[in-house]
Amino acid sequence: MADAIDIPAWIALFFGLYALSAAIGELRMPGGWRRCSPISNAISACAFSAGSSASP
């Protein structure tokens, strides 16, 4: 079993790999996250907190 100190490191590693995969996917096909969440783009507060622009 892994030591207790190693568990957050593994979580951070897999979260980083997921973020890298999402970034590569967004570079390959731009606008994927905007198509994925039409409700958050319609509400300007959600779009601001998500970091995307509110205009379509």
C-alpha atoms as a PDB file:
ATOM      1  CA  MET A   1       0.000   0.000   0.000  1.00  0.00           C
ATOM      2  CA  ALA A   2       1.190   3.527  -0.741  1.00  0.00           C
ATOM      3  CA  ASP A   3       2.320   5.810   2.020  1.00  0.00           C
ATOM      4  CA  ALA A   4      -0.110   8.504   3.115  1.00  0.00           C
ATOM      5  CA  ILE A   5       2.107  11.215   1.643  1.00  0.00           C
ATOM      6  CA  ASP A   6       2.031   9.595  -1.811  1.00  0.00           C
ATOM      7  CA  ILE A   7      -1.748   9.653  -2.256  1.00  0.00           C
ATOM      8  CA  PRO A   8      -2.065  13.443  -2.864  1.00  0.00           C
ATOM      9  CA  ALA A   9       0.834  13.235  -5.294  1.00  0.00           C
ATOM     10  CA  TRP A  10      -0.930  10.542  -7.320  1.00  0.00           C
ATOM     11  CA  ILE A  11      -4.155  12.568  -7.298  1.00  0.00           C
ATOM     12  CA  ALA A  12      -2.277  15.652  -8.522  1.00  0.00           C
ATOM     13  CA  LEU A  13      -0.545  13.606 -11.214  1.00  0.00           C
ATOM     14  CA  PHE A  14      -3.794  12.195 -12.603  1.00  0.00           C
ATOM     15  CA  PHE A  15      -5.514  15.581 -12.397  1.00  0.00           C
ATOM     16  CA  GLY A  16      -2.621  17.096 -14.337  1.00  0.00           C
ATOM     17  CA  LEU A  17      -2.802  14.358 -16.965  1.00  0.00           C
ATOM     18  CA  TYR A  18      -6.539  14.994 -17.340  1.00  0.00           C
ATOM     19  CA  ALA A  19      -5.957  18.744 -17.711  1.00  0.00           C
ATOM     20  CA  LEU A  20      -3.245  18.115 -20.301  1.00  0.00           C
ATOM     21  CA  SER A  21      -5.544  15.789 -22.239  1.00  0.00           C
ATOM     22  CA  ALA A  22      -8.349  18.352 -22.162  1.00  0.00           C
ATOM     23  CA  ALA A  23      -5.988  21.071 -23.381  1.00  0.00           C
ATOM     24  CA  ILE A  24      -4.720  18.915 -26.247  1.00  0.00           C
ATOM     25  CA  GLY A  25      -8.288  18.023 -27.188  1.00  0.00           C
ATOM     26  CA  GLU A  26      -9.256  21.691 -27.175  1.00  0.00           C
ATOM     27  CA  LEU A  27      -6.290  22.551 -29.395  1.00  0.00           C
ATOM     28  CA  ARG A  28      -7.224  19.799 -31.842  1.00  0.00           C
ATOM     29  CA  MET A  29     -10.919  20.775 -32.005  1.00  0.00           C
ATOM     30  CA  PRO A  30     -11.533  24.322 -30.686  1.00  0.00           C
ATOM     31  CA  GLY A  31     -14.872  25.159 -29.106  1.00  0.00           C
ATOM     32  CA  GLY A  32     -15.548  21.751 -27.604  1.00  0.00           C
ATOM     33  CA  TRP A  33     -16.158  23.045 -24.101  1.00  0.00           C
ATOM     34  CA  ARG A  34     -18.461  25.770 -25.395  1.00  0.00           C
ATOM     35  CA  ARG A  35     -20.609  23.210 -27.245  1.00  0.00           C
ATOM     36  CA  CYS A  36     -20.542  20.945 -24.207  1.00  0.00           C
ATOM     37  CA  SER A  37     -22.133  23.488 -21.865  1.00  0.00           C
ATOM     38  CA  PRO A  38     -24.745  25.703 -23.553  1.00  0.00           C
ATOM     39  CA  ILE A  39     -26.404  26.641 -20.242  1.00  0.00           C
ATOM     40  CA  SER A  40     -23.236  28.045 -18.724  1.00  0.00           C
ATOM     41  CA  ASN A  41     -22.677  30.172 -21.815  1.00  0.00           C
ATOM     42  CA  ALA A  42     -26.217  31.547 -21.657  1.00  0.00           C
ATOM     43  CA  ILE A  43     -25.777  32.771 -18.085  1.00  0.00           C
ATOM     44  CA  SER A  44     -23.058  35.403 -17.947  1.00  0.00           C
ATOM     45  CA  ALA A  45     -22.147  34.722 -14.296  1.00  0.00           C
ATOM     46  CA  CYS A  46     -21.544  31.044 -15.052  1.00  0.00           C
ATOM     47  CA  ALA A  47     -19.560  31.922 -18.151  1.00  0.00           C
ATOM     48  CA  PHE A  48     -17.439  34.349 -16.148  1.00  0.00           C
ATOM     49  CA  SER A  49     -16.743  31.830 -13.398  1.00  0.00           C
ATOM     50  CA  ALA A  50     -15.924  29.144 -15.992  1.00  0.00           C
ATOM     51  CA  GLY A  51     -13.515  31.499 -17.756  1.00  0.00           C
ATOM     52  CA  SER A  52     -15.274  31.511 -21.109  1.00  0.00           C
ATOM     53  CA  SER A  53     -16.741  34.468 -22.941  1.00  0.00           C
ATOM     54  CA  ALA A  54     -20.491  35.002 -22.758  1.00  0.00           C
ATOM     55  CA  SER A  55     -20.863  35.825 -26.445  1.00  0.00           C
ATOM     56  CA  PRO A  56     -21.506  32.908 -28.825  1.00  0.00           C
END
